[in-house]
PDB file of all heavy atoms in Angstrom:
ATOM      1  N   GLU A   1       0.852  -1.193   0.000  1.00  0.00           N
ATOM      2  CA  GLU A   1       0.000   0.000   0.000  1.00  0.00           C
ATOM      3  C   GLU A   1       0.887   1.241   0.000  1.00  0.00           C
ATOM      4  O   GLU A   1       1.837   1.349   0.771  1.00  0.00           O
ATOM      5  CB  GLU A   1      -0.927   0.019   1.208  1.00  0.00           C
ATOM      6  CG  GLU A   1      -1.909   1.175   1.144  1.00  0.00           C
ATOM      7  CD  GLU A   1      -2.993   1.117   2.200  1.00  0.00           C
ATOM      8  OE1 GLU A   1      -3.002   0.165   3.003  1.00  0.00           O
ATOM      9  OE2 GLU A   1      -3.821   2.023   2.217  1.00  0.00           O
ATOM     10  N   LYS A   2       0.580   2.179  -0.875  1.00  0.00           N
ATOM     11  CA  LYS A   2       1.339   3.426  -1.020  1.00  0.00           C
ATOM     12  C   LYS A   2       0.389   4.600  -0.882  1.00  0.00           C
ATOM     13  O   LYS A   2      -0.821   4.449  -0.996  1.00  0.00           O
ATOM     14  CB  LYS A   2       2.000   3.488  -2.404  1.00  0.00           C
ATOM     15  CG  LYS A   2       2.961   2.371  -2.690  1.00  0.00           C
ATOM     16  CD  LYS A   2       4.333   2.848  -2.496  1.00  0.00           C
ATOM     17  CE  LYS A   2       5.332   1.783  -2.924  1.00  0.00           C
ATOM     18  NZ  LYS A   2       6.671   2.258  -2.749  1.00  0.00           N
ATOM     19  N   VAL A   3       0.957   5.783  -0.675  1.00  0.00           N
ATOM     20  CA  VAL A   3       0.191   7.021  -0.610  1.00  0.00           C
ATOM     21  C   VAL A   3       0.735   7.968  -1.668  1.00  0.00           C
ATOM     22  O   VAL A   3       1.947   8.154  -1.781  1.00  0.00           O
ATOM     23  CB  VAL A   3       0.287   7.690   0.783  1.00  0.00           C
ATOM     24  CG1 VAL A   3      -0.503   8.976   0.819  1.00  0.00           C
ATOM     25  CG2 VAL A   3      -0.189   6.746   1.867  1.00  0.00           C
ATOM     26  N   ALA A   4      -0.153   8.545  -2.459  1.00  0.00           N
ATOM     27  CA  ALA A   4       0.231   9.546  -3.462  1.00  0.00           C
ATOM     28  C   ALA A   4      -0.327  10.898  -3.035  1.00  0.00           C
ATOM     29  O   ALA A   4      -1.447  10.990  -2.542  1.00  0.00           O
ATOM     30  CB  ALA A   4      -0.322   9.163  -4.829  1.00  0.00           C
ATOM     31  N   PHE A   5       0.467  11.948  -3.210  1.00  0.00           N
ATOM     32  CA  PHE A   5       0.034  13.312  -2.953  1.00  0.00           C
ATOM     33  C   PHE A   5      -0.003  14.052  -4.279  1.00  0.00           C
ATOM     34  O   PHE A   5       0.884  13.891  -5.113  1.00  0.00           O
ATOM     35  CB  PHE A   5       1.001  14.017  -1.993  1.00  0.00           C
ATOM     36  CG  PHE A   5       1.003  13.416  -0.625  1.00  0.00           C
ATOM     37  CD1 PHE A   5       1.890  12.404  -0.293  1.00  0.00           C
ATOM     38  CD2 PHE A   5       0.093  13.845   0.331  1.00  0.00           C
ATOM     39  CE1 PHE A   5       1.891  11.833   0.969  1.00  0.00           C
ATOM     40  CE2 PHE A   5       0.084  13.279   1.603  1.00  0.00           C
ATOM     41  CZ  PHE A   5       0.986  12.270   1.920  1.00  0.00           C
ATOM     42  N   GLU A   6      -1.043  14.859  -4.483  1.00  0.00           N
ATOM     43  CA  GLU A   6      -1.187  15.600  -5.731  1.00  0.00           C
ATOM     44  C   GLU A   6      -2.012  16.853  -5.479  1.00  0.00           C
ATOM     45  O   GLU A   6      -2.713  16.955  -4.482  1.00  0.00           O
ATOM     46  CB  GLU A   6      -1.846  14.736  -6.807  1.00  0.00           C
ATOM     47  CG  GLU A   6      -3.216  14.237  -6.429  1.00  0.00           C
ATOM     48  CD  GLU A   6      -3.681  13.046  -7.241  1.00  0.00           C
ATOM     49  OE1 GLU A   6      -2.926  12.525  -8.058  1.00  0.00           O
ATOM     50  OE2 GLU A   6      -4.831  12.631  -7.034  1.00  0.00           O
ATOM     51  N   VAL A   7      -1.912  17.789  -6.408  1.00  0.00           N
ATOM     52  CA  VAL A   7      -2.712  19.000  -6.352  1.00  0.00           C
ATOM     53  C   VAL A   7      -3.901  18.824  -7.286  1.00  0.00           C
ATOM     54  O   VAL A   7      -3.722  18.506  -8.461  1.00  0.00           O
ATOM     55  CB  VAL A   7      -1.888  20.242  -6.771  1.00  0.00           C
ATOM     56  CG1 VAL A   7      -2.765  21.482  -6.813  1.00  0.00           C
ATOM     57  CG2 VAL A   7      -0.705  20.436  -5.831  1.00  0.00           C
ATOM     58  N   SER A   8      -5.095  18.999  -6.761  1.00  0.00           N
ATOM     59  CA  SER A   8      -6.306  18.975  -7.583  1.00  0.00           C
ATOM     60  C   SER A   8      -6.622  20.421  -7.951  1.00  0.00           C
ATOM     61  O   SER A   8      -6.946  21.236  -7.076  1.00  0.00           O
ATOM     62  CB  SER A   8      -7.462  18.346  -6.805  1.00  0.00           C
ATOM     63  OG  SER A   8      -8.623  18.327  -7.596  1.00  0.00           O
ATOM     64  N   ALA A   9      -6.472  20.759  -9.229  1.00  0.00           N
ATOM     65  CA  ALA A   9      -6.602  22.147  -9.679  1.00  0.00           C
ATOM     66  C   ALA A   9      -8.062  22.595  -9.681  1.00  0.00           C
ATOM     67  O   ALA A   9      -8.934  21.884 -10.160  1.00  0.00           O
ATOM     68  CB  ALA A   9      -6.006  22.306 -11.067  1.00  0.00           C
ATOM     69  N   MET A  10      -8.287  23.794  -9.133  1.00  0.00           N
ATOM     70  CA  MET A  10      -9.617  24.403  -9.158  1.00  0.00           C
ATOM     71  C   MET A  10      -9.675  25.489 -10.230  1.00  0.00           C
ATOM     72  O   MET A  10     -10.693  25.667 -10.880  1.00  0.00           O
ATOM     73  CB  MET A  10      -9.943  24.972  -7.783  1.00  0.00           C
ATOM     74  CG  MET A  10     -10.008  23.870  -6.724  1.00  0.00           C
ATOM     75  SD  MET A  10      -9.712  24.438  -5.063  1.00  0.00           S
ATOM     76  CE  MET A  10     -11.280  25.103  -4.604  1.00  0.00           C
ATOM     77  N   THR A  11      -8.575  26.222 -10.400  1.00  0.00           N
ATOM     78  CA  THR A  11      -8.446  27.162 -11.508  1.00  0.00           C
ATOM     79  C   THR A  11      -7.076  26.928 -12.133  1.00  0.00           C
ATOM     80  O   THR A  11      -6.127  26.548 -11.446  1.00  0.00           O
ATOM     81  CB  THR A  11      -8.549  28.642 -11.060  1.00  0.00           C
ATOM     82  OG1 THR A  11      -7.470  28.944 -10.172  1.00  0.00           O
ATOM     83  CG2 THR A  11      -9.884  28.922 -10.404  1.00  0.00           C
ATOM     84  N   LEU A  12      -6.994  27.146 -13.420  1.00  0.00           N
ATOM     85  CA  LEU A  12      -5.767  26.841 -14.148  1.00  0.00           C
ATOM     86  C   LEU A  12      -5.699  27.708 -15.387  1.00  0.00           C
ATOM     87  O   LEU A  12      -6.703  27.877 -16.078  1.00  0.00           O
ATOM     88  CB  LEU A  12      -5.790  25.362 -14.552  1.00  0.00           C
ATOM     89  CG  LEU A  12      -4.588  24.786 -15.269  1.00  0.00           C
ATOM     90  CD1 LEU A  12      -3.393  24.713 -14.334  1.00  0.00           C
ATOM     91  CD2 LEU A  12      -4.915  23.392 -15.779  1.00  0.00           C
ATOM     92  N   GLU A  13      -4.516  28.266 -15.650  1.00  0.00           N
ATOM     93  CA  GLU A  13      -4.337  29.032 -16.886  1.00  0.00           C
ATOM     94  C   GLU A  13      -2.900  28.917 -17.367  1.00  0.00           C
ATOM     95  O   GLU A  13      -1.976  28.781 -16.583  1.00  0.00           O
ATOM     96  CB  GLU A  13      -4.711  30.502 -16.683  1.00  0.00           C
ATOM     97  CG  GLU A  13      -3.838  31.237 -15.702  1.00  0.00           C
ATOM     98  CD  GLU A  13      -4.252  32.689 -15.512  1.00  0.00           C
ATOM     99  OE1 GLU A  13      -4.347  33.426 -16.513  1.00  0.00           O
ATOM    100  OE2 GLU A  13      -4.452  33.072 -14.359  1.00  0.00           O
ATOM    101  N   ARG A  14      -2.749  28.937 -18.672  1.00  0.00           N
ATOM    102  CA  ARG A  14      -1.417  28.971 -19.278  1.00  0.00           C
ATOM    103  C   ARG A  14      -1.042  30.430 -19.436  1.00  0.00           C
ATOM    104  O   ARG A  14      -1.840  31.234 -19.912  1.00  0.00           O
ATOM    105  CB  ARG A  14      -1.424  28.257 -20.627  1.00  0.00           C
ATOM    106  CG  ARG A  14      -0.049  28.241 -21.271  1.00  0.00           C
ATOM    107  CD  ARG A  14      -0.012  27.397 -22.500  1.00  0.00           C
ATOM    108  NE  ARG A  14      -1.031  27.820 -23.454  1.00  0.00           N
ATOM    109  CZ  ARG A  14      -1.207  27.279 -24.646  1.00  0.00           C
ATOM    110  NH1 ARG A  14      -0.451  26.281 -25.029  1.00  0.00           N
ATOM    111  NH2 ARG A  14      -2.137  27.709 -25.450  1.00  0.00           N
ATOM    112  N   LEU A  15       0.177  30.776 -19.050  1.00  0.00           N
ATOM    113  CA  LEU A  15       0.623  32.170 -19.115  1.00  0.00           C
ATOM    114  C   LEU A  15       1.282  32.461 -20.447  1.00  0.00           C
ATOM    115  O   LEU A  15       1.870  31.583 -21.074  1.00  0.00           O
ATOM    116  CB  LEU A  15       1.605  32.452 -17.972  1.00  0.00           C
ATOM    117  CG  LEU A  15       1.044  32.227 -16.569  1.00  0.00           C
ATOM    118  CD1 LEU A  15       2.119  32.492 -15.530  1.00  0.00           C
ATOM    119  CD2 LEU A  15      -0.164  33.104 -16.314  1.00  0.00           C
ATOM    120  N   LYS A  16       1.189  33.703 -20.843  1.00  0.00           N
ATOM    121  CA  LYS A  16       1.878  34.159 -22.053  1.00  0.00           C
ATOM    122  C   LYS A  16       3.345  34.367 -21.727  1.00  0.00           C
ATOM    123  O   LYS A  16       3.717  34.601 -20.579  1.00  0.00           O
ATOM    124  CB  LYS A  16       1.252  35.468 -22.545  1.00  0.00           C
ATOM    125  CG  LYS A  16      -0.180  35.289 -22.963  1.00  0.00           C
ATOM    126  CD  LYS A  16      -0.759  36.610 -23.419  1.00  0.00           C
ATOM    127  CE  LYS A  16      -2.192  36.368 -23.834  1.00  0.00           C
ATOM    128  NZ  LYS A  16      -3.111  37.335 -23.307  1.00  0.00           N
ATOM    129  N   TRP A  17       4.187  34.301 -22.743  1.00  0.00           N
ATOM    130  CA  TRP A  17       5.622  34.457 -22.554  1.00  0.00           C
ATOM    131  C   TRP A  17       5.910  35.773 -21.844  1.00  0.00           C
ATOM    132  O   TRP A  17       5.423  36.826 -22.230  1.00  0.00           O
ATOM    133  CB  TRP A  17       6.333  34.414 -23.904  1.00  0.00           C
ATOM    134  CG  TRP A  17       7.809  34.549 -23.762  1.00  0.00           C
ATOM    135  CD1 TRP A  17       8.546  35.655 -24.023  1.00  0.00           C
ATOM    136  CD2 TRP A  17       8.721  33.560 -23.311  1.00  0.00           C
ATOM    137  NE1 TRP A  17       9.866  35.415 -23.765  1.00  0.00           N
ATOM    138  CE2 TRP A  17      10.006  34.134 -23.317  1.00  0.00           C
ATOM    139  CE3 TRP A  17       8.581  32.251 -22.882  1.00  0.00           C
ATOM    140  CZ2 TRP A  17      11.147  33.442 -22.924  1.00  0.00           C
ATOM    141  CZ3 TRP A  17       9.720  31.561 -22.492  1.00  0.00           C
ATOM    142  CH2 TRP A  17      10.971  32.153 -22.522  1.00  0.00           C
ATOM    143  N   GLY A  18       6.672  35.714 -20.746  1.00  0.00           N
ATOM    144  CA  GLY A  18       7.070  36.913 -20.019  1.00  0.00           C
ATOM    145  C   GLY A  18       6.091  37.345 -18.934  1.00  0.00           C
ATOM    146  O   GLY A  18       6.397  38.198 -18.130  1.00  0.00           O
ATOM    147  N   GLU A  19       4.900  36.750 -18.878  1.00  0.00           N
ATOM    148  CA  GLU A  19       3.922  37.090 -17.847  1.00  0.00           C
ATOM    149  C   GLU A  19       4.346  36.427 -16.541  1.00  0.00           C
ATOM    150  O   GLU A  19       4.813  35.302 -16.526  1.00  0.00           O
ATOM    151  CB  GLU A  19       2.537  36.585 -18.266  1.00  0.00           C
ATOM    152  CG  GLU A  19       1.411  37.009 -17.360  1.00  0.00           C
ATOM    153  CD  GLU A  19       0.047  36.535 -17.875  1.00  0.00           C
ATOM    154  OE1 GLU A  19      -0.019  35.955 -18.960  1.00  0.00           O
ATOM    155  OE2 GLU A  19      -0.924  36.754 -17.159  1.00  0.00           O
ATOM    156  N   SER A  20       4.178  37.120 -15.434  1.00  0.00           N
ATOM    157  CA  SER A  20       4.601  36.595 -14.140  1.00  0.00           C
ATOM    158  C   SER A  20       3.590  35.572 -13.626  1.00  0.00           C
ATOM    159  O   SER A  20       2.385  35.798 -13.678  1.00  0.00           O
ATOM    160  CB  SER A  20       4.735  37.733 -13.129  1.00  0.00           C
ATOM    161  OG  SER A  20       5.003  37.205 -11.854  1.00  0.00           O
ATOM    162  N   ALA A  21       4.106  34.470 -13.096  1.00  0.00           N
ATOM    163  CA  ALA A  21       3.234  33.453 -12.504  1.00  0.00           C
ATOM    164  C   ALA A  21       2.804  33.857 -11.095  1.00  0.00           C
ATOM    165  O   ALA A  21       1.872  33.322 -10.548  1.00  0.00           O
ATOM    166  CB  ALA A  21       3.934  32.111 -12.466  1.00  0.00           C
ATOM    167  N   GLU A  22       3.533  34.806 -10.512  1.00  0.00           N
ATOM    168  CA  GLU A  22       3.192  35.251  -9.166  1.00  0.00           C
ATOM    169  C   GLU A  22       2.021  36.220  -9.245  1.00  0.00           C
ATOM    170  O   GLU A  22       1.955  37.084 -10.101  1.00  0.00           O
ATOM    171  CB  GLU A  22       4.386  35.931  -8.514  1.00  0.00           C
ATOM    172  CG  GLU A  22       5.537  34.970  -8.292  1.00  0.00           C
ATOM    173  CD  GLU A  22       6.744  35.640  -7.688  1.00  0.00           C
ATOM    174  OE1 GLU A  22       6.590  36.748  -7.127  1.00  0.00           O
ATOM    175  OE2 GLU A  22       7.816  35.061  -7.758  1.00  0.00           O
ATOM    176  N   LYS A  23       1.104  36.052  -8.330  1.00  0.00           N
ATOM    177  CA  LYS A  23      -0.067  36.898  -8.283  1.00  0.00           C
ATOM    178  C   LYS A  23      -0.181  37.407  -6.863  1.00  0.00           C
ATOM    179  O   LYS A  23      -0.075  36.638  -5.924  1.00  0.00           O
ATOM    180  CB  LYS A  23      -1.301  36.093  -8.673  1.00  0.00           C
ATOM    181  CG  LYS A  23      -2.514  36.915  -8.956  1.00  0.00           C
ATOM    182  CD  LYS A  23      -3.612  36.009  -9.477  1.00  0.00           C
ATOM    183  CE  LYS A  23      -4.769  36.839 -10.006  1.00  0.00           C
ATOM    184  NZ  LYS A  23      -5.809  36.027 -10.564  1.00  0.00           N
ATOM    185  N   SER A  24      -0.376  38.696  -6.698  1.00  0.00           N
ATOM    186  CA  SER A  24      -0.469  39.228  -5.346  1.00  0.00           C
ATOM    187  C   SER A  24      -1.725  38.752  -4.658  1.00  0.00           C
ATOM    188  O   SER A  24      -2.770  38.635  -5.274  1.00  0.00           O
ATOM    189  CB  SER A  24      -0.422  40.759  -5.374  1.00  0.00           C
ATOM    190  OG  SER A  24      -1.530  41.266  -6.084  1.00  0.00           O
ATOM    191  N   VAL A  25      -1.585  38.437  -3.390  1.00  0.00           N
ATOM    192  CA  VAL A  25      -2.722  38.004  -2.578  1.00  0.00           C
ATOM    193  C   VAL A  25      -3.004  39.095  -1.567  1.00  0.00           C
ATOM    194  O   VAL A  25      -2.111  39.533  -0.855  1.00  0.00           O
ATOM    195  CB  VAL A  25      -2.396  36.673  -1.857  1.00  0.00           C
ATOM    196  CG1 VAL A  25      -3.547  36.257  -0.968  1.00  0.00           C
ATOM    197  CG2 VAL A  25      -2.047  35.601  -2.856  1.00  0.00           C
TER     198      VAL A  25
END
């Protein structure tokens, strides 16, 4: 028996070249 961890995406977008992946919270 093993355990897998993963992220289940709720929102997702592909960024344009040069756009920052960081978003202010």
